[in-house]
Amino acid sequence: MEEKIIDFETAELAKEKGFDWETDKSYIERLEYSFEDRRKHEEVTMDYIPPRILPTKYEDKHLKIVCSAPTQSLLQKWLRDEHDILVLVDEGFFNLIWKIIIPDHELPQKIYSEDNFNTYEKALEEGLQKALKLI
């Protein structure tokens, strides 16, 4: 089973909050550029393409790395190791929920999701986003 890469929105937020661990994949966008098509003798413009996931080492002068694309578990580990924030997925009344635990010397702070989720990955993704916003 392949691990899920975090969504672009979560990846941008992680970058903003200082996530800088090396990853195998990145969100990369193609910039708009023009070139001459010698067969048709005309200039062709390649449109901007929004960020998509490609290997980090992919090289093309028309591509720009926007941010890292870590797996959910790698970002979860970064939050735990660098910020002492635990993001867990647990069973709610009907489906799955996320919870965030911030250990403290006296009493840990616990934050629970208000929504239920159908899949572990959806619950974890939202929990990761909420945890990043706490930094």
C-alpha atoms as a PDB file:
ATOM      1  CA  MET A   1       0.000   0.000   0.000  1.00  0.00           C
ATOM      2  CA  GLU A   2       1.386   3.374  -1.027  1.00  0.00           C
ATOM      3  CA  GLU A   3       1.389   6.208   1.491  1.00  0.00           C
ATOM      4  CA  LYS A   4      -0.759   9.244   0.673  1.00  0.00           C
ATOM      5  CA  ILE A   5       0.987  12.476  -0.217  1.00  0.00           C
ATOM      6  CA  ILE A   6      -0.498  15.522   1.469  1.00  0.00           C
ATOM      7  CA  ASP A   7      -2.775  17.803  -0.537  1.00  0.00           C
ATOM      8  CA  PHE A   8      -1.310  20.933  -2.133  1.00  0.00           C
ATOM      9  CA  GLU A   9      -3.109  23.223   0.327  1.00  0.00           C
ATOM     10  CA  THR A  10      -1.578  21.335   3.269  1.00  0.00           C
ATOM     11  CA  ALA A  11       1.866  21.329   1.596  1.00  0.00           C
ATOM     12  CA  GLU A  12       1.794  25.110   1.135  1.00  0.00           C
ATOM     13  CA  LEU A  13       0.797  25.578   4.768  1.00  0.00           C
ATOM     14  CA  ALA A  14       3.576  23.218   5.905  1.00  0.00           C
ATOM     15  CA  LYS A  15       6.131  25.211   3.909  1.00  0.00           C
ATOM     16  CA  GLU A  16       4.828  28.458   5.421  1.00  0.00           C
ATOM     17  CA  LYS A  17       5.227  26.940   8.896  1.00  0.00           C
ATOM     18  CA  GLY A  18       8.830  25.880   8.233  1.00  0.00           C
ATOM     19  CA  PHE A  19       8.634  22.313   6.939  1.00  0.00           C
ATOM     20  CA  ASP A  20      11.971  21.804   5.197  1.00  0.00           C
ATOM     21  CA  TRP A  21      12.664  18.079   5.328  1.00  0.00           C
ATOM     22  CA  GLU A  22      13.881  16.517   2.098  1.00  0.00           C
ATOM     23  CA  THR A  23      11.231  14.624   0.147  1.00  0.00           C
ATOM     24  CA  ASP A  24      11.291  12.455  -2.966  1.00  0.00           C
ATOM     25  CA  LYS A  25       8.435  14.406  -4.539  1.00  0.00           C
ATOM     26  CA  SER A  26       7.494  18.057  -4.825  1.00  0.00           C
ATOM     27  CA  TYR A  27       4.612  20.142  -6.054  1.00  0.00           C
ATOM     28  CA  ILE A  28       5.897  21.680  -9.270  1.00  0.00           C
ATOM     29  CA  GLU A  29       4.241  24.229 -11.556  1.00  0.00           C
ATOM     30  CA  ARG A  30       4.992  24.920 -15.194  1.00  0.00           C
ATOM     31  CA  LEU A  31       5.469  28.560 -16.001  1.00  0.00           C
ATOM     32  CA  GLU A  32       3.997  30.090 -19.116  1.00  0.00           C
ATOM     33  CA  TYR A  33       6.544  30.298 -21.922  1.00  0.00           C
ATOM     34  CA  SER A  34       6.764  30.622 -25.703  1.00  0.00           C
ATOM     35  CA  PHE A  35       8.870  28.922 -28.347  1.00  0.00           C
ATOM     36  CA  GLU A  36       9.025  28.824 -32.119  1.00  0.00           C
ATOM     37  CA  ASP A  37       7.547  25.754 -33.780  1.00  0.00           C
ATOM     38  CA  ARG A  38       9.905  25.330 -36.729  1.00  0.00           C
ATOM     39  CA  ARG A  39       7.574  22.951 -38.558  1.00  0.00           C
ATOM     40  CA  LYS A  40       4.674  25.407 -38.581  1.00  0.00           C
ATOM     41  CA  HIS A  41       6.845  28.543 -38.592  1.00  0.00           C
ATOM     42  CA  GLU A  42       4.871  30.108 -35.795  1.00  0.00           C
ATOM     43  CA  GLU A  43       5.287  30.945 -32.146  1.00  0.00           C
ATOM     44  CA  VAL A  44       3.589  28.616 -29.689  1.00  0.00           C
ATOM     45  CA  THR A  45       2.712  29.635 -26.134  1.00  0.00           C
ATOM     46  CA  MET A  46       2.612  26.980 -23.449  1.00  0.00           C
ATOM     47  CA  ASP A  47       0.117  27.925 -20.765  1.00  0.00           C
ATOM     48  CA  TYR A  48       0.722  27.979 -17.059  1.00  0.00           C
ATOM     49  CA  ILE A  49      -0.131  24.646 -15.439  1.00  0.00           C
ATOM     50  CA  PRO A  50      -0.981  24.641 -11.737  1.00  0.00           C
ATOM     51  CA  PRO A  51       1.123  22.643  -9.276  1.00  0.00           C
ATOM     52  CA  ARG A  52       1.243  18.891  -9.663  1.00  0.00           C
ATOM     53  CA  ILE A  53       3.387  16.201  -8.075  1.00  0.00           C
ATOM     54  CA  LEU A  54       6.658  15.250  -9.755  1.00  0.00           C
ATOM     55  CA  PRO A  55       9.927  13.768  -8.493  1.00  0.00           C
ATOM     56  CA  THR A  56      11.938  16.467  -6.704  1.00  0.00           C
ATOM     57  CA  LYS A  57      14.960  15.878  -8.950  1.00  0.00           C
ATOM     58  CA  TYR A  58      12.960  16.381 -12.158  1.00  0.00           C
ATOM     59  CA  GLU A  59      14.713  19.122 -14.103  1.00  0.00           C
ATOM     60  CA  ASP A  60      13.201  21.408 -16.705  1.00  0.00           C
ATOM     61  CA  LYS A  61      13.920  25.120 -17.044  1.00  0.00           C
ATOM     62  CA  HIS A  62      10.200  25.804 -17.457  1.00  0.00           C
ATOM     63  CA  LEU A  63       9.242  24.123 -14.190  1.00  0.00           C
ATOM     64  CA  LYS A  64       9.419  25.626 -10.737  1.00  0.00           C
ATOM     65  CA  ILE A  65       9.247  23.787  -7.417  1.00  0.00           C
ATOM     66  CA  VAL A  66       6.477  25.341  -5.338  1.00  0.00           C
ATOM     67  CA  CYS A  67       6.868  23.220  -2.200  1.00  0.00           C
ATOM     68  CA  SER A  68       7.727  19.753  -0.927  1.00  0.00           C
ATOM     69  CA  ALA A  69       5.146  16.989  -1.231  1.00  0.00           C
ATOM     70  CA  PRO A  70       5.675  14.822   1.858  1.00  0.00           C
ATOM     71  CA  THR A  71       3.564  11.852   2.786  1.00  0.00           C
ATOM     72  CA  GLN A  72       1.008  12.289   5.534  1.00  0.00           C
ATOM     73  CA  SER A  73       3.104  10.152   7.882  1.00  0.00           C
ATOM     74  CA  LEU A  74       6.265  12.226   7.258  1.00  0.00           C
ATOM     75  CA  LEU A  75       4.439  15.472   8.035  1.00  0.00           C
ATOM     76  CA  GLN A  76       2.882  13.796  11.080  1.00  0.00           C
ATOM     77  CA  LYS A  77       6.418  12.850  12.243  1.00  0.00           C
ATOM     78  CA  TRP A  78       7.712  16.404  11.608  1.00  0.00           C
ATOM     79  CA  LEU A  79       4.907  17.867  13.722  1.00  0.00           C
ATOM     80  CA  ARG A  80       5.713  15.397  16.494  1.00  0.00           C
ATOM     81  CA  ASP A  81       9.519  15.781  16.370  1.00  0.00           C
ATOM     82  CA  GLU A  82       9.818  19.505  15.695  1.00  0.00           C
ATOM     83  CA  HIS A  83       6.753  20.934  17.443  1.00  0.00           C
ATOM     84  CA  ASP A  84       5.722  18.274  19.977  1.00  0.00           C
ATOM     85  CA  ILE A  85       2.253  18.065  18.398  1.00  0.00           C
ATOM     86  CA  LEU A  86       0.621  14.656  18.015  1.00  0.00           C
ATOM     87  CA  VAL A  87      -1.993  14.176  15.288  1.00  0.00           C
ATOM     88  CA  LEU A  88      -3.951  10.949  15.630  1.00  0.00           C
ATOM     89  CA  VAL A  89      -6.955   9.380  13.966  1.00  0.00           C
ATOM     90  CA  ASP A  90      -9.451   7.695  16.245  1.00  0.00           C
ATOM     91  CA  GLU A  91     -12.892   6.155  16.038  1.00  0.00           C
ATOM     92  CA  GLY A  92     -15.788   8.545  16.638  1.00  0.00           C
ATOM     93  CA  PHE A  93     -19.421   7.634  17.158  1.00  0.00           C
ATOM     94  CA  PHE A  94     -20.066   6.670  13.548  1.00  0.00           C
ATOM     95  CA  ASN A  95     -16.847   7.191  11.572  1.00  0.00           C
ATOM     96  CA  LEU A  96     -13.291   8.382  12.057  1.00  0.00           C
ATOM     97  CA  ILE A  97     -12.203  11.631  13.720  1.00  0.00           C
ATOM     98  CA  TRP A  98      -8.839  13.323  14.175  1.00  0.00           C
ATOM     99  CA  LYS A  99      -7.465  14.551  17.444  1.00  0.00           C
ATOM    100  CA  ILE A 100      -4.489  16.735  18.226  1.00  0.00           C
ATOM    101  CA  ILE A 101      -2.580  16.336  21.482  1.00  0.00           C
ATOM    102  CA  ILE A 102      -0.108  18.959  22.633  1.00  0.00           C
ATOM    103  CA  PRO A 103       1.775  17.504  25.596  1.00  0.00           C
ATOM    104  CA  ASP A 104       2.283  19.795  28.547  1.00  0.00           C
ATOM    105  CA  HIS A 105       4.010  19.300  31.872  1.00  0.00           C
ATOM    106  CA  GLU A 106       0.742  19.371  33.781  1.00  0.00           C
ATOM    107  CA  LEU A 107      -2.182  18.668  31.483  1.00  0.00           C
ATOM    108  CA  PRO A 108      -1.997  17.883  27.765  1.00  0.00           C
ATOM    109  CA  GLN A 109      -4.158  20.023  25.516  1.00  0.00           C
ATOM    110  CA  LYS A 110      -6.500  17.938  23.347  1.00  0.00           C
ATOM    111  CA  ILE A 111      -8.406  19.196  20.309  1.00  0.00           C
ATOM    112  CA  TYR A 112     -10.952  16.981  18.559  1.00  0.00           C
ATOM    113  CA  SER A 113     -12.517  17.224  15.115  1.00  0.00           C
ATOM    114  CA  GLU A 114     -16.110  18.367  14.880  1.00  0.00           C
ATOM    115  CA  ASP A 115     -16.674  16.230  11.780  1.00  0.00           C
ATOM    116  CA  ASN A 116     -16.637  12.524  11.107  1.00  0.00           C
ATOM    117  CA  PHE A 117     -14.719  11.148   8.130  1.00  0.00           C
ATOM    118  CA  ASN A 118     -15.182   8.095   5.933  1.00  0.00           C
ATOM    119  CA  THR A 119     -11.482   7.344   5.532  1.00  0.00           C
ATOM    120  CA  TYR A 120      -8.405   7.433   7.716  1.00  0.00           C
ATOM    121  CA  GLU A 121      -6.560   9.568   5.130  1.00  0.00           C
ATOM    122  CA  LYS A 122      -9.260  12.265   4.992  1.00  0.00           C
ATOM    123  CA  ALA A 123      -9.358  12.491   8.782  1.00  0.00           C
ATOM    124  CA  LEU A 124      -5.567  12.662   9.024  1.00  0.00           C
ATOM    125  CA  GLU A 125      -5.308  15.312   6.282  1.00  0.00           C
ATOM    126  CA  GLU A 126      -7.665  17.665   8.085  1.00  0.00           C
ATOM    127  CA  GLY A 127      -5.972  16.968  11.414  1.00  0.00           C
ATOM    128  CA  LEU A 128      -2.590  17.832   9.896  1.00  0.00           C
ATOM    129  CA  GLN A 129      -3.979  21.106   8.522  1.00  0.00           C
ATOM    130  CA  LYS A 130      -5.447  22.067  11.909  1.00  0.00           C
ATOM    131  CA  ALA A 131      -2.184  21.186  13.686  1.00  0.00           C
ATOM    132  CA  LEU A 132      -0.141  23.329  11.266  1.00  0.00           C
ATOM    133  CA  LYS A 133      -2.440  26.268  11.968  1.00  0.00           C
ATOM    134  CA  LEU A 134      -1.587  25.968  15.675  1.00  0.00           C
ATOM    135  CA  ILE A 135       2.103  26.678  15.034  1.00  0.00           C
END
